[in-house]
């Protein structure tokens, strides 16, 4: 599994003209599932996401987690994070999981995140979405799971 995590002041996702998820202060998370991923990968990344100390403390040092600051999560599926752009002009997606496998593991990941102490909003799996965010910092991180595709 792969995540792009962005610390945000606010973020929202829209599909077909309606807002499907919106948060204030927190983390905007794009998630991709690889063919080789399992529940172990989702467990690892959900734990990592909830515990990452990427918010500033009173001294301005990144030392607080999204849980510590009372933030929220906006989790959006994005298979294109597994694009292979090394050959030709058209990206390949051979590493990305098939839609049924990906949706099952994505839903599991969201439920694991919801088991934490922060509100969780989502986009719509496989939908065309518009993501709006105000990046805070900017702080943007790439995290891969153990098997990581």
Protein backbone atom coordinates (compact mmCIF):
# COMPACT_ATOMS: atom_id res chain seq x y z
CA UNK A 1 0.00 0.00 0.00
CA UNK A 2 1.05 3.53 -0.61
CA UNK A 3 -0.14 6.79 0.95
CA UNK A 4 0.45 10.41 0.12
CA UNK A 5 -0.22 12.35 3.32
CA UNK A 6 -0.73 16.09 3.27
CA UNK A 7 -1.10 18.15 6.43
CA UNK A 8 -4.01 20.48 5.73
CA UNK A 9 -5.82 23.46 7.16
CA UNK A 10 -8.92 22.17 5.39
CA UNK A 11 -9.83 19.73 2.63
CA UNK A 12 -12.87 18.42 0.82
CA UNK A 13 -13.67 16.00 -1.97
CA UNK A 14 -16.55 16.35 -4.43
CA UNK A 15 -18.09 13.86 -6.81
CA UNK A 16 -20.88 14.58 -9.29
CA UNK A 17 -21.27 18.09 -7.90
CA UNK A 18 -21.70 17.13 -4.25
CA UNK A 19 -19.31 17.11 -1.32
CA UNK A 20 -18.69 13.53 -0.17
CA UNK A 21 -16.17 14.32 2.56
CA UNK A 22 -14.79 17.45 4.21
CA UNK A 23 -12.45 18.19 7.12
CA UNK A 24 -10.87 21.11 8.86
CA UNK A 25 -7.41 20.77 10.37
CA UNK A 26 -5.97 17.32 9.75
CA UNK A 27 -4.58 15.04 7.08
CA UNK A 28 -5.62 14.58 3.47
CA UNK A 29 -4.63 11.03 2.55
CA UNK A 30 -4.45 9.52 -0.94
CA UNK A 31 -4.31 5.71 -0.74
CA UNK A 32 -3.34 3.13 -3.38
CA UNK A 33 -3.52 -0.63 -3.08
CA UNK A 34 -0.98 -2.92 -4.77
CA UNK A 35 -1.69 -6.45 -6.02
CA UNK A 36 0.50 -7.91 -3.27
CA UNK A 37 -1.08 -5.99 -0.36
CA UNK A 38 -2.86 -7.63 2.55
CA UNK A 39 -4.60 -6.71 5.80
CA UNK A 40 -1.15 -6.56 7.38
CA UNK A 41 -0.23 -3.66 5.07
CA UNK A 42 -3.46 -1.83 5.90
CA UNK A 43 -2.95 -2.35 9.64
CA UNK A 44 0.60 -1.05 9.43
CA UNK A 45 -0.31 2.09 7.46
CA UNK A 46 -3.40 2.88 9.55
CA UNK A 47 -1.29 2.74 12.70
CA UNK A 48 1.43 4.80 11.04
CA UNK A 49 -1.11 7.40 9.84
CA UNK A 50 -2.69 7.88 13.26
CA UNK A 51 0.64 8.11 15.07
CA UNK A 52 2.82 10.18 12.72
CA UNK A 53 4.10 13.22 14.60
CA UNK A 54 3.85 15.85 11.86
CA UNK A 55 2.02 18.70 13.59
CA UNK A 56 3.98 21.40 15.42
CA UNK A 57 4.15 21.55 19.20
CA UNK A 58 4.38 24.83 21.15
CA UNK A 59 8.07 25.10 20.22
CA UNK A 60 7.27 24.72 16.50
CA UNK A 61 8.81 21.23 16.27
CA UNK A 62 6.89 18.51 14.40
CA UNK A 63 6.09 16.48 17.49
CA UNK A 64 2.30 15.95 17.56
CA UNK A 65 0.05 13.45 15.78
CA UNK A 66 -3.33 14.09 14.20
CA UNK A 67 -4.82 12.51 17.33
CA UNK A 68 -2.85 14.85 19.59
CA UNK A 69 -4.14 17.99 17.83
CA UNK A 70 -7.77 16.85 17.56
CA UNK A 71 -7.56 16.74 13.76
CA UNK A 72 -9.46 14.71 11.18
CA UNK A 73 -8.66 12.47 8.24
CA UNK A 74 -9.92 12.70 4.66
CA UNK A 75 -9.06 9.40 2.95
CA UNK A 76 -9.38 9.13 -0.85
CA UNK A 77 -8.56 6.11 -3.01
CA UNK A 78 -6.09 6.84 -5.83
CA UNK A 79 -4.74 3.87 -7.81
CA UNK A 80 -2.57 6.20 -9.91
CA UNK A 81 -0.05 6.32 -7.05
CA UNK A 82 1.18 3.01 -8.49
CA UNK A 83 1.75 4.41 -11.99
CA UNK A 84 4.94 3.29 -13.68
CA UNK A 85 6.17 6.14 -15.87
CA UNK A 86 9.58 4.71 -16.74
CA UNK A 87 8.68 3.41 -20.23
CA UNK A 88 6.98 5.26 -23.04
CA UNK A 89 4.63 8.20 -22.55
CA UNK A 90 1.66 6.37 -21.10
CA UNK A 91 1.81 5.26 -17.45
CA UNK A 92 1.37 1.58 -16.67
CA UNK A 93 -0.61 0.33 -13.69
CA UNK A 94 0.48 -3.30 -13.45
CA UNK A 95 1.37 -2.94 -9.75
CA UNK A 96 -2.08 -1.63 -8.78
CA UNK A 97 -4.63 -4.10 -7.43
CA UNK A 98 -7.71 -5.05 -9.42
CA UNK A 99 -10.75 -2.98 -8.40
CA UNK A 100 -12.51 -5.64 -6.29
CA UNK A 101 -9.37 -6.47 -4.29
CA UNK A 102 -8.52 -2.78 -3.94
CA UNK A 103 -11.98 -1.79 -2.74
CA UNK A 104 -12.04 -4.52 -0.10
CA UNK A 105 -8.65 -3.51 1.28
CA UNK A 106 -9.42 0.23 0.99
CA UNK A 107 -12.63 -0.26 3.01
CA UNK A 108 -10.70 -2.26 5.60
CA UNK A 109 -8.07 0.51 5.83
CA UNK A 110 -10.77 3.16 6.35
CA UNK A 111 -12.36 1.06 9.12
CA UNK A 112 -8.96 0.65 10.81
CA UNK A 113 -8.48 4.44 10.66
CA UNK A 114 -11.97 4.95 12.12
CA UNK A 115 -11.01 2.74 15.04
CA UNK A 116 -8.68 5.56 16.11
CA UNK A 117 -9.80 8.62 18.02
CA UNK A 118 -10.20 10.98 15.04
CA UNK A 119 -13.10 11.69 12.68
CA UNK A 120 -12.66 10.12 9.23
CA UNK A 121 -14.24 11.30 5.97
CA UNK A 122 -13.81 9.66 2.55
CA UNK A 123 -14.27 10.05 -1.14
CA UNK A 124 -16.14 7.52 -3.27
CA UNK A 125 -14.17 4.51 -4.45
CA UNK A 126 -13.64 4.48 -8.26
CA UNK A 127 -15.54 7.74 -8.73
CA UNK A 128 -14.21 10.75 -10.58
CA UNK A 129 -13.52 13.27 -7.82
CA UNK A 130 -12.36 16.84 -7.37
CA UNK A 131 -10.11 17.25 -4.33
CA UNK A 132 -9.73 20.69 -2.78
CA UNK A 133 -7.22 21.37 -0.03
CA UNK A 134 -5.13 23.98 1.65
CA UNK A 135 -1.79 22.35 2.41
CA UNK A 136 -0.33 23.41 5.75
CA UNK A 137 3.44 23.89 5.72
CA UNK A 138 3.48 22.54 3.09
CA UNK A 139 3.96 19.12 4.65
CA UNK A 140 3.59 16.22 2.19
CA UNK A 141 4.81 12.69 2.91
CA UNK A 142 4.99 9.42 0.99
CA UNK A 143 4.54 6.25 3.05
CA UNK A 144 4.71 2.69 1.78
CA UNK A 145 3.72 -0.45 3.65
CA UNK A 146 6.07 -3.32 4.32
CA UNK A 147 5.23 -5.22 1.11
CA UNK A 148 4.65 -1.91 -0.66
CA UNK A 149 3.85 -3.30 -4.08
